[in-house]
Amino acid sequence: MSTCEVSAVCAARVKEATRQSHDTAEEIMMPLITGATTPHRYAHLLQKLYGFYHPLEQAIAPFATELQLSYPFQKSQLLLQDLQALGSNETVTLSEQLPQLQNKYDALGALYVLEGAALGGRVIARMLSANKDLPATAFSFFEGRGKETGPHWTHFVQLMNEQAQTEDAVAQVCAAAIHTFDLHTEWMKTP
């Protein structure tokens, strides 16, 4: 396969490679999301997400320049804003089980998981905001980039396809994305 063919299909190959891990993550997340019916339960969900997102974003940050990220990718601050809107000031436990990011391809695979999660975020925000027991100001994480979410995803896919130019690079991105999904799923299972 030529370099051009590899790079043109990187995102599609990552999507296919992560299908099972993605589906498992969804199976774990949906009951947590639909169960977030009170401010306390919603805060617990946000705390769990922060506990994984924040340290993972810190692990990705050293690769941001090499990946040529032209946008802020950190979303954990939005989780803190939502927790403040809920009046939650509990100490958040951070996951210590994170993917070991050795290079930009590992970081790209981890970022695939975080960026991909934003696609469903707006649907989740609408679902959660229907609950009038939750403050209307507590959905910034799930709202994310708002109407720019779709175009942003398109830009990220293009970035993936440009960055992963060899078969080995695509394989690394796939492996890192699978590992990130699996570690996230395990983290979300913990009480």
C-alpha atoms as a PDB file:
ATOM      1  CA  MET A   1       0.000   0.000   0.000  1.00  0.00           C
ATOM      2  CA  SER A   2       1.431   3.393  -0.921  1.00  0.00           C
ATOM      3  CA  THR A   3       1.918   6.191   1.612  1.00  0.00           C
ATOM      4  CA  CYS A   4      -0.932   8.081  -0.020  1.00  0.00           C
ATOM      5  CA  GLU A   5      -3.295   5.127   0.366  1.00  0.00           C
ATOM      6  CA  VAL A   6      -2.271   4.581   4.002  1.00  0.00           C
ATOM      7  CA  SER A   7      -2.749   8.224   4.985  1.00  0.00           C
ATOM      8  CA  ALA A   8      -6.068   8.543   3.202  1.00  0.00           C
ATOM      9  CA  VAL A   9      -7.533   5.708   5.228  1.00  0.00           C
ATOM     10  CA  CYS A  10      -5.965   6.231   8.670  1.00  0.00           C
ATOM     11  CA  ALA A  11      -9.118   7.556  10.340  1.00  0.00           C
ATOM     12  CA  ALA A  12     -11.266   4.855   8.746  1.00  0.00           C
ATOM     13  CA  ARG A  13      -8.851   2.161   9.904  1.00  0.00           C
ATOM     14  CA  VAL A  14      -8.794   3.537  13.440  1.00  0.00           C
ATOM     15  CA  LYS A  15     -12.588   3.625  13.494  1.00  0.00           C
ATOM     16  CA  GLU A  16     -12.765  -0.003  12.372  1.00  0.00           C
ATOM     17  CA  ALA A  17     -10.022  -1.136  14.754  1.00  0.00           C
ATOM     18  CA  THR A  18     -11.708   0.510  17.746  1.00  0.00           C
ATOM     19  CA  ARG A  19     -15.278  -0.581  16.982  1.00  0.00           C
ATOM     20  CA  GLN A  20     -15.454  -3.233  19.719  1.00  0.00           C
ATOM     21  CA  SER A  21     -13.732  -1.040  22.323  1.00  0.00           C
ATOM     22  CA  HIS A  22     -15.999   1.877  21.382  1.00  0.00           C
ATOM     23  CA  ASP A  23     -19.130  -0.267  21.706  1.00  0.00           C
ATOM     24  CA  THR A  24     -17.999  -1.559  25.111  1.00  0.00           C
ATOM     25  CA  ALA A  25     -17.292   1.998  26.285  1.00  0.00           C
ATOM     26  CA  GLU A  26     -20.775   3.046  25.171  1.00  0.00           C
ATOM     27  CA  GLU A  27     -22.345   0.127  27.060  1.00  0.00           C
ATOM     28  CA  ILE A  28     -20.650   1.319  30.254  1.00  0.00           C
ATOM     29  CA  MET A  29     -21.265   5.035  29.710  1.00  0.00           C
ATOM     30  CA  MET A  30     -24.952   5.022  28.769  1.00  0.00           C
ATOM     31  CA  PRO A  31     -26.262   3.792  32.155  1.00  0.00           C
ATOM     32  CA  LEU A  32     -24.036   6.374  33.878  1.00  0.00           C
ATOM     33  CA  ILE A  33     -25.401   9.129  31.653  1.00  0.00           C
ATOM     34  CA  THR A  34     -29.053   8.112  31.876  1.00  0.00           C
ATOM     35  CA  GLY A  35     -28.610   7.580  35.623  1.00  0.00           C
ATOM     36  CA  ALA A  36     -27.336  11.142  36.141  1.00  0.00           C
ATOM     37  CA  THR A  37     -30.793  12.303  37.214  1.00  0.00           C
ATOM     38  CA  THR A  38     -29.816  14.328  40.275  1.00  0.00           C
ATOM     39  CA  PRO A  39     -27.129  16.965  40.769  1.00  0.00           C
ATOM     40  CA  HIS A  40     -25.205  14.519  42.985  1.00  0.00           C
ATOM     41  CA  ARG A  41     -25.279  11.706  40.408  1.00  0.00           C
ATOM     42  CA  TYR A  42     -24.426  14.072  37.566  1.00  0.00           C
ATOM     43  CA  ALA A  43     -21.513  15.469  39.592  1.00  0.00           C
ATOM     44  CA  HIS A  44     -20.268  11.910  40.142  1.00  0.00           C
ATOM     45  CA  LEU A  45     -20.305  11.300  36.375  1.00  0.00           C
ATOM     46  CA  LEU A  46     -18.406  14.537  35.723  1.00  0.00           C
ATOM     47  CA  GLN A  47     -15.870  13.711  38.442  1.00  0.00           C
ATOM     48  CA  LYS A  48     -15.211  10.322  36.879  1.00  0.00           C
ATOM     49  CA  LEU A  49     -14.736  11.907  33.468  1.00  0.00           C
ATOM     50  CA  TYR A  50     -12.413  14.563  34.898  1.00  0.00           C
ATOM     51  CA  GLY A  51     -10.411  11.865  36.667  1.00  0.00           C
ATOM     52  CA  PHE A  52      -9.532  10.350  33.302  1.00  0.00           C
ATOM     53  CA  TYR A  53      -9.559  13.353  30.973  1.00  0.00           C
ATOM     54  CA  HIS A  54      -7.335  15.642  33.012  1.00  0.00           C
ATOM     55  CA  PRO A  55      -4.314  13.339  33.394  1.00  0.00           C
ATOM     56  CA  LEU A  56      -4.706  12.083  29.811  1.00  0.00           C
ATOM     57  CA  GLU A  57      -4.752  15.632  28.461  1.00  0.00           C
ATOM     58  CA  GLN A  58      -1.597  16.324  30.443  1.00  0.00           C
ATOM     59  CA  ALA A  59       0.024  13.261  28.866  1.00  0.00           C
ATOM     60  CA  ILE A  60      -0.988  14.414  25.363  1.00  0.00           C
ATOM     61  CA  ALA A  61       0.156  18.034  25.857  1.00  0.00           C
ATOM     62  CA  PRO A  62       3.892  17.456  25.204  1.00  0.00           C
ATOM     63  CA  PHE A  63       2.997  16.218  21.693  1.00  0.00           C
ATOM     64  CA  ALA A  64       0.664  19.119  20.759  1.00  0.00           C
ATOM     65  CA  THR A  65       3.308  21.053  18.832  1.00  0.00           C
ATOM     66  CA  GLU A  66       4.593  18.005  16.980  1.00  0.00           C
ATOM     67  CA  LEU A  67       1.002  17.104  16.052  1.00  0.00           C
ATOM     68  CA  GLN A  68       0.492  20.679  14.852  1.00  0.00           C
ATOM     69  CA  LEU A  69      -2.642  21.088  16.959  1.00  0.00           C
ATOM     70  CA  SER A  70      -3.949  24.525  16.120  1.00  0.00           C
ATOM     71  CA  TYR A  71      -6.718  24.458  18.705  1.00  0.00           C
ATOM     72  CA  PRO A  72      -7.053  23.929  22.454  1.00  0.00           C
ATOM     73  CA  PHE A  73      -7.782  20.240  22.920  1.00  0.00           C
ATOM     74  CA  GLN A  74      -8.154  20.268  26.703  1.00  0.00           C
ATOM     75  CA  LYS A  75     -11.746  19.798  27.816  1.00  0.00           C
ATOM     76  CA  SER A  76     -11.158  18.962  31.476  1.00  0.00           C
ATOM     77  CA  GLN A  77     -11.537  22.657  32.376  1.00  0.00           C
ATOM     78  CA  LEU A  78     -15.103  22.451  31.079  1.00  0.00           C
ATOM     79  CA  LEU A  79     -15.722  19.559  33.458  1.00  0.00           C
ATOM     80  CA  LEU A  80     -14.532  21.733  36.350  1.00  0.00           C
ATOM     81  CA  GLN A  81     -16.848  24.553  35.228  1.00  0.00           C
ATOM     82  CA  ASP A  82     -19.784  22.147  35.204  1.00  0.00           C
ATOM     83  CA  LEU A  83     -18.854  20.806  38.632  1.00  0.00           C
ATOM     84  CA  GLN A  84     -18.776  24.382  39.948  1.00  0.00           C
ATOM     85  CA  ALA A  85     -22.203  25.029  38.410  1.00  0.00           C
ATOM     86  CA  LEU A  86     -23.436  22.013  40.373  1.00  0.00           C
ATOM     87  CA  GLY A  87     -21.882  23.349  43.575  1.00  0.00           C
ATOM     88  CA  SER A  88     -19.608  20.330  43.811  1.00  0.00           C
ATOM     89  CA  ASN A  89     -16.300  20.919  45.528  1.00  0.00           C
ATOM     90  CA  GLU A  90     -15.320  17.351  46.332  1.00  0.00           C
ATOM     91  CA  THR A  91     -11.768  16.204  45.713  1.00  0.00           C
ATOM     92  CA  VAL A  92     -11.569  14.325  42.429  1.00  0.00           C
ATOM     93  CA  THR A  93      -9.539  11.136  42.212  1.00  0.00           C
ATOM     94  CA  LEU A  94      -7.339  10.999  39.129  1.00  0.00           C
ATOM     95  CA  SER A  95      -6.755   7.810  37.190  1.00  0.00           C
ATOM     96  CA  GLU A  96      -3.258   6.407  37.345  1.00  0.00           C
ATOM     97  CA  GLN A  97      -4.051   3.837  34.673  1.00  0.00           C
ATOM     98  CA  LEU A  98      -3.347   5.800  31.512  1.00  0.00           C
ATOM     99  CA  PRO A  99      -1.898   4.825  28.169  1.00  0.00           C
ATOM    100  CA  GLN A 100       1.855   5.311  28.001  1.00  0.00           C
ATOM    101  CA  LEU A 101       2.280   7.870  25.233  1.00  0.00           C
ATOM    102  CA  GLN A 102       5.746   7.413  23.757  1.00  0.00           C
ATOM    103  CA  ASN A 103       5.356   9.427  20.549  1.00  0.00           C
ATOM    104  CA  LYS A 104       2.976  11.534  18.498  1.00  0.00           C
ATOM    105  CA  TYR A 105       1.192   8.466  17.108  1.00  0.00           C
ATOM    106  CA  ASP A 106       0.327   7.219  20.588  1.00  0.00           C
ATOM    107  CA  ALA A 107      -0.876  10.739  21.433  1.00  0.00           C
ATOM    108  CA  LEU A 108      -2.936  10.853  18.245  1.00  0.00           C
ATOM    109  CA  GLY A 109      -4.635   7.563  19.154  1.00  0.00           C
ATOM    110  CA  ALA A 110      -5.488   8.851  22.633  1.00  0.00           C
ATOM    111  CA  LEU A 111      -6.717  12.129  21.176  1.00  0.00           C
ATOM    112  CA  TYR A 112      -8.935  10.183  18.762  1.00  0.00           C
ATOM    113  CA  VAL A 113     -10.859   8.857  21.758  1.00  0.00           C
ATOM    114  CA  LEU A 114     -11.266  12.296  23.368  1.00  0.00           C
ATOM    115  CA  GLU A 115     -12.180  14.081  20.140  1.00  0.00           C
ATOM    116  CA  GLY A 116     -14.554  11.326  19.062  1.00  0.00           C
ATOM    117  CA  ALA A 117     -16.386  11.481  22.375  1.00  0.00           C
ATOM    118  CA  ALA A 118     -17.255  15.104  21.643  1.00  0.00           C
ATOM    119  CA  LEU A 119     -19.378  14.036  18.667  1.00  0.00           C
ATOM    120  CA  GLY A 120     -21.978  12.466  20.933  1.00  0.00           C
ATOM    121  CA  GLY A 121     -21.625  15.153  23.567  1.00  0.00           C
ATOM    122  CA  ARG A 122     -24.225  17.492  22.138  1.00  0.00           C
ATOM    123  CA  VAL A 123     -26.812  14.691  22.082  1.00  0.00           C
ATOM    124  CA  ILE A 124     -25.934  13.894  25.692  1.00  0.00           C
ATOM    125  CA  ALA A 125     -26.228  17.584  26.633  1.00  0.00           C
ATOM    126  CA  ARG A 126     -29.743  17.741  25.161  1.00  0.00           C
ATOM    127  CA  MET A 127     -30.718  14.551  26.967  1.00  0.00           C
ATOM    128  CA  LEU A 128     -29.365  15.735  30.326  1.00  0.00           C
ATOM    129  CA  SER A 129     -30.641  19.317  29.999  1.00  0.00           C
ATOM    130  CA  ALA A 130     -34.195  18.011  29.711  1.00  0.00           C
ATOM    131  CA  ASN A 131     -33.891  17.235  33.421  1.00  0.00           C
ATOM    132  CA  LYS A 132     -34.923  20.471  35.146  1.00  0.00           C
ATOM    133  CA  ASP A 133     -33.263  19.309  38.399  1.00  0.00           C
ATOM    134  CA  LEU A 134     -29.884  19.933  36.756  1.00  0.00           C
ATOM    135  CA  PRO A 135     -28.685  23.548  36.356  1.00  0.00           C
ATOM    136  CA  ALA A 136     -28.744  24.834  32.777  1.00  0.00           C
ATOM    137  CA  THR A 137     -25.170  26.085  33.243  1.00  0.00           C
ATOM    138  CA  ALA A 138     -23.762  22.612  33.933  1.00  0.00           C
ATOM    139  CA  PHE A 139     -23.456  21.253  30.389  1.00  0.00           C
ATOM    140  CA  SER A 140     -20.428  23.051  28.941  1.00  0.00           C
ATOM    141  CA  PHE A 141     -18.378  19.840  28.715  1.00  0.00           C
ATOM    142  CA  PHE A 142     -20.991  17.974  26.714  1.00  0.00           C
ATOM    143  CA  GLU A 143     -21.826  21.035  24.598  1.00  0.00           C
ATOM    144  CA  GLY A 144     -18.132  21.347  23.797  1.00  0.00           C
ATOM    145  CA  ARG A 145     -17.670  23.261  20.578  1.00  0.00           C
ATOM    146  CA  GLY A 146     -21.399  23.549  19.930  1.00  0.00           C
ATOM    147  CA  LYS A 147     -22.230  23.891  16.241  1.00  0.00           C
ATOM    148  CA  GLU A 148     -18.527  23.708  15.415  1.00  0.00           C
ATOM    149  CA  THR A 149     -18.287  20.119  16.701  1.00  0.00           C
ATOM    150  CA  GLY A 150     -18.888  18.505  13.290  1.00  0.00           C
ATOM    151  CA  PRO A 151     -16.498  20.765  11.354  1.00  0.00           C
ATOM    152  CA  HIS A 152     -13.919  20.348  14.100  1.00  0.00           C
ATOM    153  CA  TRP A 153     -14.148  16.556  13.823  1.00  0.00           C
ATOM    154  CA  THR A 154     -13.627  16.822  10.061  1.00  0.00           C
ATOM    155  CA  HIS A 155     -10.507  18.906  10.719  1.00  0.00           C
ATOM    156  CA  PHE A 156      -9.239  16.353  13.262  1.00  0.00           C
ATOM    157  CA  VAL A 157      -9.757  13.457  10.822  1.00  0.00           C
ATOM    158  CA  GLN A 158      -7.777  15.388   8.216  1.00  0.00           C
ATOM    159  CA  LEU A 159      -5.032  15.940  10.780  1.00  0.00           C
ATOM    160  CA  MET A 160      -4.959  12.207  11.584  1.00  0.00           C
ATOM    161  CA  ASN A 161      -4.719  11.336   7.921  1.00  0.00           C
ATOM    162  CA  GLU A 162      -1.880  13.833   7.402  1.00  0.00           C
ATOM    163  CA  GLN A 163       0.095  12.786  10.488  1.00  0.00           C
ATOM    164  CA  ALA A 164      -0.024   9.007  10.074  1.00  0.00           C
ATOM    165  CA  GLN A 165       1.824   8.504   6.798  1.00  0.00           C
ATOM    166  CA  THR A 166       3.058   4.913   7.117  1.00  0.00           C
ATOM    167  CA  GLU A 167       1.607   1.520   7.891  1.00  0.00           C
ATOM    168  CA  ASP A 168       3.530   1.441  11.186  1.00  0.00           C
ATOM    169  CA  ALA A 169       2.201   4.882  12.173  1.00  0.00           C
ATOM    170  CA  VAL A 170      -1.401   3.844  11.484  1.00  0.00           C
ATOM    171  CA  ALA A 171      -0.883   0.652  13.501  1.00  0.00           C
ATOM    172  CA  GLN A 172       0.444   2.701  16.444  1.00  0.00           C
ATOM    173  CA  VAL A 173      -2.504   5.096  16.280  1.00  0.00           C
ATOM    174  CA  CYS A 174      -4.918   2.150  16.233  1.00  0.00           C
ATOM    175  CA  ALA A 175      -3.227   0.399  19.164  1.00  0.00           C
ATOM    176  CA  ALA A 176      -3.143   3.578  21.256  1.00  0.00           C
ATOM    177  CA  ALA A 177      -6.807   4.343  20.543  1.00  0.00           C
ATOM    178  CA  ILE A 178      -7.890   0.823  21.519  1.00  0.00           C
ATOM    179  CA  HIS A 179      -5.808   0.956  24.696  1.00  0.00           C
ATOM    180  CA  THR A 180      -7.213   4.392  25.600  1.00  0.00           C
ATOM    181  CA  PHE A 181     -10.801   3.236  25.086  1.00  0.00           C
ATOM    182  CA  ASP A 182     -10.189   0.134  27.194  1.00  0.00           C
ATOM    183  CA  LEU A 183      -8.531   2.035  30.051  1.00  0.00           C
ATOM    184  CA  HIS A 184     -11.313   4.640  30.001  1.00  0.00           C
ATOM    185  CA  THR A 185     -13.935   1.912  30.170  1.00  0.00           C
ATOM    186  CA  GLU A 186     -12.208   0.248  33.129  1.00  0.00           C
ATOM    187  CA  TRP A 187     -11.923   3.626  34.893  1.00  0.00           C
ATOM    188  CA  MET A 188     -15.607   4.393  34.416  1.00  0.00           C
ATOM    189  CA  LYS A 189     -16.536   0.993  35.912  1.00  0.00           C
ATOM    190  CA  THR A 190     -14.875   1.839  39.219  1.00  0.00           C
ATOM    191  CA  PRO A 191     -17.090   3.349  41.943  1.00  0.00           C
END
